[in-house]
Amino acid sequence: MTIMVFYAFGLFFGIILTSIFMRQSTLSLGYPVRIHYAYTFIQNGVHIFRYDNAPHHRNILTFPHHKHVDSDERPIPSDQPTLNQVIIEIDALLEK
């Protein structure tokens, strides 16, 4: 499981905390495949979004992949993002 948390302190400063837990690993052509993942963005103590593939929202079209949005963490359909896609999304939100 990979967990990434980004804390923003203003427009130009933030901290990315990443924890990687490898209980299982699958290799495909030399590249690791994520088995379980969660990418969380919290700004000023407020949950902005989280991508994960925890199998608890079976009604989501992209099950098990989904994204939790807003402070109520409402789940919506989402494909599995790459870490680069998550960082680009956070960067775009910080530029607003």
PDB file of N, CA and C in Angstrom:
ATOM      1  N   MET A   1       0.843  -1.157   0.000  1.00  0.00           N
ATOM      2  CA  MET A   1       0.000   0.000   0.000  1.00  0.00           C
ATOM      3  C   MET A   1       0.897   1.232   0.000  1.00  0.00           C
ATOM      4  N   THR A   2       0.550   2.221  -0.788  1.00  0.00           N
ATOM      5  CA  THR A   2       1.260   3.481  -0.808  1.00  0.00           C
ATOM      6  C   THR A   2       0.331   4.557  -0.277  1.00  0.00           C
ATOM      7  N   ILE A   3       0.812   5.343   0.651  1.00  0.00           N
ATOM      8  CA  ILE A   3       0.028   6.446   1.180  1.00  0.00           C
ATOM      9  C   ILE A   3       0.823   7.714   0.968  1.00  0.00           C
ATOM     10  N   MET A   4       0.209   8.702   0.330  1.00  0.00           N
ATOM     11  CA  MET A   4       0.867   9.986   0.139  1.00  0.00           C
ATOM     12  C   MET A   4      -0.029  11.062   0.724  1.00  0.00           C
ATOM     13  N   VAL A   5       0.554  11.915   1.539  1.00  0.00           N
ATOM     14  CA  VAL A   5      -0.174  13.031   2.128  1.00  0.00           C
ATOM     15  C   VAL A   5       0.585  14.302   1.779  1.00  0.00           C
ATOM     16  N   PHE A   6      -0.124  15.301   1.278  1.00  0.00           N
ATOM     17  CA  PHE A   6       0.498  16.581   0.938  1.00  0.00           C
ATOM     18  C   PHE A   6      -0.066  17.638   1.870  1.00  0.00           C
ATOM     19  N   TYR A   7       0.799  18.325   2.568  1.00  0.00           N
ATOM     20  CA  TYR A   7       0.403  19.430   3.425  1.00  0.00           C
ATOM     21  C   TYR A   7       0.885  20.721   2.780  1.00  0.00           C
ATOM     22  N   ALA A   8      -0.026  21.645   2.496  1.00  0.00           N
ATOM     23  CA  ALA A   8       0.337  22.920   1.877  1.00  0.00           C
ATOM     24  C   ALA A   8       0.357  24.005   2.938  1.00  0.00           C
ATOM     25  N   PHE A   9       1.401  24.815   2.895  1.00  0.00           N
ATOM     26  CA  PHE A   9       1.544  25.940   3.811  1.00  0.00           C
ATOM     27  C   PHE A   9       1.731  27.201   2.976  1.00  0.00           C
ATOM     28  N   GLY A  10       0.677  27.657   2.345  1.00  0.00           N
ATOM     29  CA  GLY A  10       0.770  28.810   1.461  1.00  0.00           C
ATOM     30  C   GLY A  10       0.863  28.354   0.015  1.00  0.00           C
ATOM     31  N   LEU A  11       1.118  29.302  -0.880  1.00  0.00           N
ATOM     32  CA  LEU A  11       1.133  28.995  -2.303  1.00  0.00           C
ATOM     33  C   LEU A  11       2.388  28.284  -2.778  1.00  0.00           C
ATOM     34  N   PHE A  12       3.508  28.494  -2.107  1.00  0.00           N
ATOM     35  CA  PHE A  12       4.768  27.997  -2.634  1.00  0.00           C
ATOM     36  C   PHE A  12       5.470  26.986  -1.743  1.00  0.00           C
ATOM     37  N   PHE A  13       4.849  26.544  -0.692  1.00  0.00           N
ATOM     38  CA  PHE A  13       5.526  25.636   0.221  1.00  0.00           C
ATOM     39  C   PHE A  13       4.574  24.542   0.661  1.00  0.00           C
ATOM     40  N   GLY A  14       5.061  23.336   0.671  1.00  0.00           N
ATOM     41  CA  GLY A  14       4.269  22.210   1.142  1.00  0.00           C
ATOM     42  C   GLY A  14       5.175  21.048   1.443  1.00  0.00           C
ATOM     43  N   ILE A  15       4.613  20.054   2.063  1.00  0.00           N
ATOM     44  CA  ILE A  15       5.363  18.852   2.408  1.00  0.00           C
ATOM     45  C   ILE A  15       4.596  17.657   1.865  1.00  0.00           C
ATOM     46  N   ILE A  16       5.298  16.775   1.185  1.00  0.00           N
ATOM     47  CA  ILE A  16       4.705  15.511   0.757  1.00  0.00           C
ATOM     48  C   ILE A  16       5.261  14.425   1.652  1.00  0.00           C
ATOM     49  N   LEU A  17       4.391  13.743   2.352  1.00  0.00           N
ATOM     50  CA  LEU A  17       4.785  12.612   3.182  1.00  0.00           C
ATOM     51  C   LEU A  17       4.328  11.348   2.467  1.00  0.00           C
ATOM     52  N   THR A  18       5.231  10.454   2.215  1.00  0.00           N
ATOM     53  CA  THR A  18       4.898   9.223   1.509  1.00  0.00           C
ATOM     54  C   THR A  18       5.296   8.030   2.350  1.00  0.00           C
ATOM     55  N   SER A  19       4.367   7.136   2.517  1.00  0.00           N
ATOM     56  CA  SER A  19       4.657   5.877   3.197  1.00  0.00           C
ATOM     57  C   SER A  19       4.344   4.753   2.229  1.00  0.00           C
ATOM     58  N   ILE A  20       5.266   3.849   2.079  1.00  0.00           N
ATOM     59  CA  ILE A  20       5.074   2.722   1.172  1.00  0.00           C
ATOM     60  C   ILE A  20       5.158   1.440   1.993  1.00  0.00           C
ATOM     61  N   PHE A  21       4.096   0.682   1.960  1.00  0.00           N
ATOM     62  CA  PHE A  21       4.052  -0.584   2.675  1.00  0.00           C
ATOM     63  C   PHE A  21       3.928  -1.695   1.646  1.00  0.00           C
ATOM     64  N   MET A  22       4.902  -2.557   1.582  1.00  0.00           N
ATOM     65  CA  MET A  22       4.896  -3.634   0.598  1.00  0.00           C
ATOM     66  C   MET A  22       4.693  -4.966   1.321  1.00  0.00           C
ATOM     67  N   ARG A  23       3.461  -5.441   1.335  1.00  0.00           N
ATOM     68  CA  ARG A  23       3.197  -6.778   1.854  1.00  0.00           C
ATOM     69  C   ARG A  23       3.174  -7.776   0.699  1.00  0.00           C
ATOM     70  N   GLN A  24       2.718  -7.295  -0.439  1.00  0.00           N
ATOM     71  CA  GLN A  24       2.688  -8.133  -1.632  1.00  0.00           C
ATOM     72  C   GLN A  24       3.259  -7.300  -2.765  1.00  0.00           C
ATOM     73  N   SER A  25       3.912  -7.922  -3.676  1.00  0.00           N
ATOM     74  CA  SER A  25       4.439  -7.195  -4.820  1.00  0.00           C
ATOM     75  C   SER A  25       4.357  -8.092  -6.041  1.00  0.00           C
ATOM     76  N   THR A  26       3.972  -7.515  -7.144  1.00  0.00           N
ATOM     77  CA  THR A  26       3.907  -8.234  -8.398  1.00  0.00           C
ATOM     78  C   THR A  26       4.766  -7.481  -9.399  1.00  0.00           C
ATOM     79  N   LEU A  27       5.577  -8.188 -10.127  1.00  0.00           N
ATOM     80  CA  LEU A  27       6.411  -7.541 -11.135  1.00  0.00           C
ATOM     81  C   LEU A  27       5.889  -7.881 -12.519  1.00  0.00           C
ATOM     82  N   SER A  28       5.836  -6.869 -13.368  1.00  0.00           N
ATOM     83  CA  SER A  28       5.415  -7.051 -14.743  1.00  0.00           C
ATOM     84  C   SER A  28       6.423  -6.320 -15.616  1.00  0.00           C
ATOM     85  N   LEU A  29       7.188  -7.052 -16.380  1.00  0.00           N
ATOM     86  CA  LEU A  29       8.228  -6.475 -17.227  1.00  0.00           C
ATOM     87  C   LEU A  29       9.182  -5.593 -16.429  1.00  0.00           C
ATOM     88  N   GLY A  30       9.477  -5.997 -15.211  1.00  0.00           N
ATOM     89  CA  GLY A  30      10.429  -5.273 -14.391  1.00  0.00           C
ATOM     90  C   GLY A  30       9.861  -4.091 -13.636  1.00  0.00           C
ATOM     91  N   TYR A  31       8.579  -3.789 -13.783  1.00  0.00           N
ATOM     92  CA  TYR A  31       7.970  -2.671 -13.073  1.00  0.00           C
ATOM     93  C   TYR A  31       7.035  -3.203 -11.995  1.00  0.00           C
ATOM     94  N   PRO A  32       7.112  -2.645 -10.781  1.00  0.00           N
ATOM     95  CA  PRO A  32       6.194  -3.109  -9.727  1.00  0.00           C
ATOM     96  C   PRO A  32       4.763  -2.685 -10.030  1.00  0.00           C
ATOM     97  N   VAL A  33       3.818  -3.514  -9.694  1.00  0.00           N
ATOM     98  CA  VAL A  33       2.402  -3.227  -9.860  1.00  0.00           C
ATOM     99  C   VAL A  33       1.824  -3.002  -8.466  1.00  0.00           C
ATOM    100  N   ARG A  34       1.117  -1.875  -8.304  1.00  0.00           N
ATOM    101  CA  ARG A  34       0.527  -1.586  -6.994  1.00  0.00           C
ATOM    102  C   ARG A  34      -0.629  -2.544  -6.739  1.00  0.00           C
ATOM    103  N   ILE A  35      -0.592  -3.181  -5.577  1.00  0.00           N
ATOM    104  CA  ILE A  35      -1.682  -4.063  -5.187  1.00  0.00           C
ATOM    105  C   ILE A  35      -2.764  -3.246  -4.473  1.00  0.00           C
ATOM    106  N   HIS A  36      -2.368  -2.509  -3.443  1.00  0.00           N
ATOM    107  CA  HIS A  36      -3.266  -1.620  -2.696  1.00  0.00           C
ATOM    108  C   HIS A  36      -2.633  -0.235  -2.693  1.00  0.00           C
ATOM    109  N   TYR A  37      -3.448   0.805  -2.831  1.00  0.00           N
ATOM    110  CA  TYR A  37      -2.893   2.152  -2.829  1.00  0.00           C
ATOM    111  C   TYR A  37      -3.901   3.131  -2.234  1.00  0.00           C
ATOM    112  N   ALA A  38      -3.392   4.250  -1.758  1.00  0.00           N
ATOM    113  CA  ALA A  38      -4.214   5.381  -1.311  1.00  0.00           C
ATOM    114  C   ALA A  38      -3.365   6.634  -1.436  1.00  0.00           C
ATOM    115  N   TYR A  39      -3.891   7.635  -2.129  1.00  0.00           N
ATOM    116  CA  TYR A  39      -3.234   8.932  -2.265  1.00  0.00           C
ATOM    117  C   TYR A  39      -4.178   9.972  -1.658  1.00  0.00           C
ATOM    118  N   THR A  40      -3.732  10.655  -0.617  1.00  0.00           N
ATOM    119  CA  THR A  40      -4.581  11.604   0.097  1.00  0.00           C
ATOM    120  C   THR A  40      -3.998  13.005   0.012  1.00  0.00           C
ATOM    121  N   PHE A  41      -4.859  13.989  -0.260  1.00  0.00           N
ATOM    122  CA  PHE A  41      -4.452  15.391  -0.249  1.00  0.00           C
ATOM    123  C   PHE A  41      -5.269  16.109   0.814  1.00  0.00           C
ATOM    124  N   ILE A  42      -4.571  16.631   1.823  1.00  0.00           N
ATOM    125  CA  ILE A  42      -5.182  17.386   2.909  1.00  0.00           C
ATOM    126  C   ILE A  42      -4.556  18.770   2.892  1.00  0.00           C
ATOM    127  N   GLN A  43      -5.389  19.801   2.911  1.00  0.00           N
ATOM    128  CA  GLN A  43      -4.887  21.171   2.902  1.00  0.00           C
ATOM    129  C   GLN A  43      -5.478  21.921   4.086  1.00  0.00           C
ATOM    130  N   ASN A  44      -4.597  22.481   4.925  1.00  0.00           N
ATOM    131  CA  ASN A  44      -5.022  23.216   6.123  1.00  0.00           C
ATOM    132  C   ASN A  44      -5.946  22.375   6.999  1.00  0.00           C
ATOM    133  N   GLY A  45      -5.647  21.101   7.116  1.00  0.00           N
ATOM    134  CA  GLY A  45      -6.430  20.201   7.953  1.00  0.00           C
ATOM    135  C   GLY A  45      -7.749  19.754   7.349  1.00  0.00           C
ATOM    136  N   VAL A  46      -8.019  20.147   6.099  1.00  0.00           N
ATOM    137  CA  VAL A  46      -9.275  19.792   5.425  1.00  0.00           C
ATOM    138  C   VAL A  46      -8.993  18.763   4.346  1.00  0.00           C
ATOM    139  N   HIS A  47      -9.764  17.685   4.357  1.00  0.00           N
ATOM    140  CA  HIS A  47      -9.635  16.640   3.337  1.00  0.00           C
ATOM    141  C   HIS A  47     -10.094  17.200   1.999  1.00  0.00           C
ATOM    142  N   ILE A  48      -9.210  17.166   0.993  1.00  0.00           N
ATOM    143  CA  ILE A  48      -9.554  17.649  -0.345  1.00  0.00           C
ATOM    144  C   ILE A  48      -9.917  16.477  -1.245  1.00  0.00           C
ATOM    145  N   PHE A  49      -9.054  15.461  -1.310  1.00  0.00           N
ATOM    146  CA  PHE A  49      -9.390  14.250  -2.054  1.00  0.00           C
ATOM    147  C   PHE A  49      -8.524  13.084  -1.601  1.00  0.00           C
ATOM    148  N   ARG A  50      -8.982  11.893  -1.930  1.00  0.00           N
ATOM    149  CA  ARG A  50      -8.206  10.670  -1.711  1.00  0.00           C
ATOM    150  C   ARG A  50      -8.575   9.669  -2.797  1.00  0.00           C
ATOM    151  N   TYR A  51      -7.562   9.134  -3.453  1.00  0.00           N
ATOM    152  CA  TYR A  51      -7.748   8.019  -4.383  1.00  0.00           C
ATOM    153  C   TYR A  51      -7.387   6.744  -3.635  1.00  0.00           C
ATOM    154  N   ASP A  52      -8.172   5.698  -3.804  1.00  0.00           N
ATOM    155  CA  ASP A  52      -7.777   4.407  -3.242  1.00  0.00           C
ATOM    156  C   ASP A  52      -8.523   3.285  -3.945  1.00  0.00           C
ATOM    157  N   ASN A  53      -8.119   2.073  -3.625  1.00  0.00           N
ATOM    158  CA  ASN A  53      -8.794   0.910  -4.208  1.00  0.00           C
ATOM    159  C   ASN A  53      -9.265  -0.054  -3.125  1.00  0.00           C
ATOM    160  N   ALA A  54      -9.588   0.493  -1.950  1.00  0.00           N
ATOM    161  CA  ALA A  54     -10.172  -0.349  -0.899  1.00  0.00           C
ATOM    162  C   ALA A  54     -11.517  -0.874  -1.415  1.00  0.00           C
ATOM    163  N   PRO A  55     -11.782  -2.153  -1.244  1.00  0.00           N
ATOM    164  CA  PRO A  55     -12.986  -2.756  -1.857  1.00  0.00           C
ATOM    165  C   PRO A  55     -14.256  -2.542  -1.039  1.00  0.00           C
ATOM    166  N   HIS A  56     -14.589  -1.290  -0.721  1.00  0.00           N
ATOM    167  CA  HIS A  56     -15.771  -1.048   0.107  1.00  0.00           C
ATOM    168  C   HIS A  56     -16.871  -0.248  -0.584  1.00  0.00           C
ATOM    169  N   HIS A  57     -16.706   0.093  -1.836  1.00  0.00           N
ATOM    170  CA  HIS A  57     -17.753   0.801  -2.585  1.00  0.00           C
ATOM    171  C   HIS A  57     -18.069   0.011  -3.855  1.00  0.00           C
ATOM    172  N   ARG A  58     -18.733  -1.100  -3.695  1.00  0.00           N
ATOM    173  CA  ARG A  58     -18.999  -2.014  -4.809  1.00  0.00           C
ATOM    174  C   ARG A  58     -19.936  -1.429  -5.858  1.00  0.00           C
ATOM    175  N   ASN A  59     -20.685  -0.392  -5.505  1.00  0.00           N
ATOM    176  CA  ASN A  59     -21.621   0.224  -6.457  1.00  0.00           C
ATOM    177  C   ASN A  59     -20.937   1.218  -7.402  1.00  0.00           C
ATOM    178  N   ILE A  60     -19.670   1.533  -7.181  1.00  0.00           N
ATOM    179  CA  ILE A  60     -18.934   2.466  -8.039  1.00  0.00           C
ATOM    180  C   ILE A  60     -18.568   1.760  -9.342  1.00  0.00           C
ATOM    181  N   LEU A  61     -18.787   2.413 -10.473  1.00  0.00           N
ATOM    182  CA  LEU A  61     -18.531   1.801 -11.781  1.00  0.00           C
ATOM    183  C   LEU A  61     -17.092   1.352 -11.967  1.00  0.00           C
ATOM    184  N   THR A  62     -16.153   2.042 -11.356  1.00  0.00           N
ATOM    185  CA  THR A  62     -14.740   1.718 -11.532  1.00  0.00           C
ATOM    186  C   THR A  62     -14.205   0.843 -10.387  1.00  0.00           C
ATOM    187  N   PHE A  63     -15.101   0.195  -9.650  1.00  0.00           N
ATOM    188  CA  PHE A  63     -14.728  -0.659  -8.520  1.00  0.00           C
ATOM    189  C   PHE A  63     -13.568  -1.578  -8.897  1.00  0.00           C
ATOM    190  N   PRO A  64     -12.560  -1.687  -8.034  1.00  0.00           N
ATOM    191  CA  PRO A  64     -12.448  -1.124  -6.686  1.00  0.00           C
ATOM    192  C   PRO A  64     -11.846   0.272  -6.655  1.00  0.00           C
ATOM    193  N   HIS A  65     -11.458   0.822  -7.813  1.00  0.00           N
ATOM    194  CA  HIS A  65     -10.827   2.139  -7.847  1.00  0.00           C
ATOM    195  C   HIS A  65     -11.879   3.228  -7.691  1.00  0.00           C
ATOM    196  N   HIS A  66     -11.570   4.229  -6.870  1.00  0.00           N
ATOM    197  CA  HIS A  66     -12.487   5.346  -6.674  1.00  0.00           C
ATOM    198  C   HIS A  66     -11.733   6.513  -6.055  1.00  0.00           C
ATOM    199  N   LYS A  67     -12.430   7.653  -6.002  1.00  0.00           N
ATOM    200  CA  LYS A  67     -11.853   8.879  -5.451  1.00  0.00           C
ATOM    201  C   LYS A  67     -12.837   9.451  -4.439  1.00  0.00           C
ATOM    202  N   HIS A  68     -12.335   9.809  -3.264  1.00  0.00           N
ATOM    203  CA  HIS A  68     -13.143  10.475  -2.251  1.00  0.00           C
ATOM    204  C   HIS A  68     -12.906  11.970  -2.410  1.00  0.00           C
ATOM    205  N   VAL A  69     -13.984  12.756  -2.478  1.00  0.00           N
ATOM    206  CA  VAL A  69     -13.854  14.193  -2.706  1.00  0.00           C
ATOM    207  C   VAL A  69     -14.553  14.989  -1.613  1.00  0.00           C
ATOM    208  N   ASP A  70     -14.100  16.230  -1.470  1.00  0.00           N
ATOM    209  CA  ASP A  70     -14.662  17.192  -0.535  1.00  0.00           C
ATOM    210  C   ASP A  70     -14.445  16.754   0.918  1.00  0.00           C
ATOM    211  N   SER A  71     -14.863  17.612   1.819  1.00  0.00           N
ATOM    212  CA  SER A  71     -14.624  17.331   3.237  1.00  0.00           C
ATOM    213  C   SER A  71     -15.471  16.168   3.745  1.00  0.00           C
ATOM    214  N   ASP A  72     -16.562  15.834   3.047  1.00  0.00           N
ATOM    215  CA  ASP A  72     -17.378  14.680   3.462  1.00  0.00           C
ATOM    216  C   ASP A  72     -16.868  13.362   2.886  1.00  0.00           C
ATOM    217  N   GLU A  73     -15.800  13.427   2.070  1.00  0.00           N
ATOM    218  CA  GLU A  73     -15.135  12.251   1.489  1.00  0.00           C
ATOM    219  C   GLU A  73     -16.083  11.366   0.675  1.00  0.00           C
ATOM    220  N   ARG A  74     -16.994  12.028  -0.057  1.00  0.00           N
ATOM    221  CA  ARG A  74     -17.940  11.312  -0.919  1.00  0.00           C
ATOM    222  C   ARG A  74     -17.199  10.542  -2.010  1.00  0.00           C
ATOM    223  N   PRO A  75     -17.478   9.231  -2.188  1.00  0.00           N
ATOM    224  CA  PRO A  75     -16.784   8.461  -3.228  1.00  0.00           C
ATOM    225  C   PRO A  75     -17.396   8.691  -4.613  1.00  0.00           C
ATOM    226  N   ILE A  76     -16.505   8.825  -5.623  1.00  0.00           N
ATOM    227  CA  ILE A  76     -16.942   8.944  -7.008  1.00  0.00           C
ATOM    228  C   ILE A  76     -16.088   7.996  -7.854  1.00  0.00           C
ATOM    229  N   PRO A  77     -16.570   7.609  -9.049  1.00  0.00           N
ATOM    230  CA  PRO A  77     -15.780   6.724  -9.908  1.00  0.00           C
ATOM    231  C   PRO A  77     -14.468   7.383 -10.322  1.00  0.00           C
ATOM    232  N   SER A  78     -13.426   6.571 -10.423  1.00  0.00           N
ATOM    233  CA  SER A  78     -12.125   7.062 -10.868  1.00  0.00           C
ATOM    234  C   SER A  78     -11.260   5.886 -11.272  1.00  0.00           C
ATOM    235  N   ASP A  79     -10.495   6.083 -12.315  1.00  0.00           N
ATOM    236  CA  ASP A  79      -9.497   5.077 -12.671  1.00  0.00           C
ATOM    237  C   ASP A  79      -8.321   5.187 -11.710  1.00  0.00           C
ATOM    238  N   GLN A  80      -7.467   4.189 -11.699  1.00  0.00           N
ATOM    239  CA  GLN A  80      -6.290   4.207 -10.845  1.00  0.00           C
ATOM    240  C   GLN A  80      -5.306   5.255 -11.362  1.00  0.00           C
ATOM    241  N   PRO A  81      -5.011   6.295 -10.561  1.00  0.00           N
ATOM    242  CA  PRO A  81      -4.089   7.319 -11.032  1.00  0.00           C
ATOM    243  C   PRO A  81      -2.645   6.910 -10.791  1.00  0.00           C
ATOM    244  N   THR A  82      -1.751   7.499 -11.548  1.00  0.00           N
ATOM    245  CA  THR A  82      -0.328   7.345 -11.252  1.00  0.00           C
ATOM    246  C   THR A  82       0.039   8.411 -10.221  1.00  0.00           C
ATOM    247  N   LEU A  83       1.164   8.223  -9.563  1.00  0.00           N
ATOM    248  CA  LEU A  83       1.624   9.222  -8.606  1.00  0.00           C
ATOM    249  C   LEU A  83       1.829  10.561  -9.311  1.00  0.00           C
ATOM    250  N   ASN A  84       2.333  10.536 -10.528  1.00  0.00           N
ATOM    251  CA  ASN A  84       2.530  11.766 -11.298  1.00  0.00           C
ATOM    252  C   ASN A  84       1.207  12.483 -11.546  1.00  0.00           C
ATOM    253  N   GLN A  85       0.152  11.760 -11.870  1.00  0.00           N
ATOM    254  CA  GLN A  85      -1.160  12.371 -12.090  1.00  0.00           C
ATOM    255  C   GLN A  85      -1.681  13.034 -10.816  1.00  0.00           C
ATOM    256  N   VAL A  86      -1.446  12.398  -9.682  1.00  0.00           N
ATOM    257  CA  VAL A  86      -1.893  12.953  -8.396  1.00  0.00           C
ATOM    258  C   VAL A  86      -1.143  14.248  -8.099  1.00  0.00           C
ATOM    259  N   ILE A  87       0.162  14.251  -8.317  1.00  0.00           N
ATOM    260  CA  ILE A  87       0.965  15.444  -8.070  1.00  0.00           C
ATOM    261  C   ILE A  87       0.534  16.588  -8.991  1.00  0.00           C
ATOM    262  N   ILE A  88       0.244  16.292 -10.251  1.00  0.00           N
ATOM    263  CA  ILE A  88      -0.234  17.320 -11.193  1.00  0.00           C
ATOM    264  C   ILE A  88      -1.580  17.875 -10.725  1.00  0.00           C
ATOM    265  N   GLU A  89      -2.462  17.023 -10.244  1.00  0.00           N
ATOM    266  CA  GLU A  89      -3.770  17.474  -9.750  1.00  0.00           C
ATOM    267  C   GLU A  89      -3.600  18.387  -8.534  1.00  0.00           C
ATOM    268  N   ILE A  90      -2.722  18.012  -7.615  1.00  0.00           N
ATOM    269  CA  ILE A  90      -2.468  18.842  -6.437  1.00  0.00           C
ATOM    270  C   ILE A  90      -1.884  20.181  -6.859  1.00  0.00           C
ATOM    271  N   ASP A  91      -0.945  20.159  -7.784  1.00  0.00           N
ATOM    272  CA  ASP A  91      -0.318  21.389  -8.273  1.00  0.00           C
ATOM    273  C   ASP A  91      -1.366  22.325  -8.877  1.00  0.00           C
ATOM    274  N   ALA A  92      -2.280  21.783  -9.661  1.00  0.00           N
ATOM    275  CA  ALA A  92      -3.334  22.594 -10.287  1.00  0.00           C
ATOM    276  C   ALA A  92      -4.241  23.204  -9.228  1.00  0.00           C
ATOM    277  N   LEU A  93      -4.568  22.448  -8.183  1.00  0.00           N
ATOM    278  CA  LEU A  93      -5.407  22.984  -7.107  1.00  0.00           C
ATOM    279  C   LEU A  93      -4.694  24.101  -6.351  1.00  0.00           C
ATOM    280  N   LEU A  94      -3.399  23.961  -6.167  1.00  0.00           N
ATOM    281  CA  LEU A  94      -2.644  24.975  -5.433  1.00  0.00           C
ATOM    282  C   LEU A  94      -2.468  26.254  -6.232  1.00  0.00           C
ATOM    283  N   GLU A  95      -2.544  26.163  -7.561  1.00  0.00           N
ATOM    284  CA  GLU A  95      -2.410  27.351  -8.406  1.00  0.00           C
ATOM    285  C   GLU A  95      -3.663  28.208  -8.442  1.00  0.00           C
ATOM    286  N   LYS A  96      -4.795  27.663  -7.991  1.00  0.00           N
ATOM    287  CA  LYS A  96      -6.066  28.410  -8.004  1.00  0.00           C
ATOM    288  C   LYS A  96      -6.025  29.535  -7.005  1.00  0.00           C
TER     289      LYS A  96
END
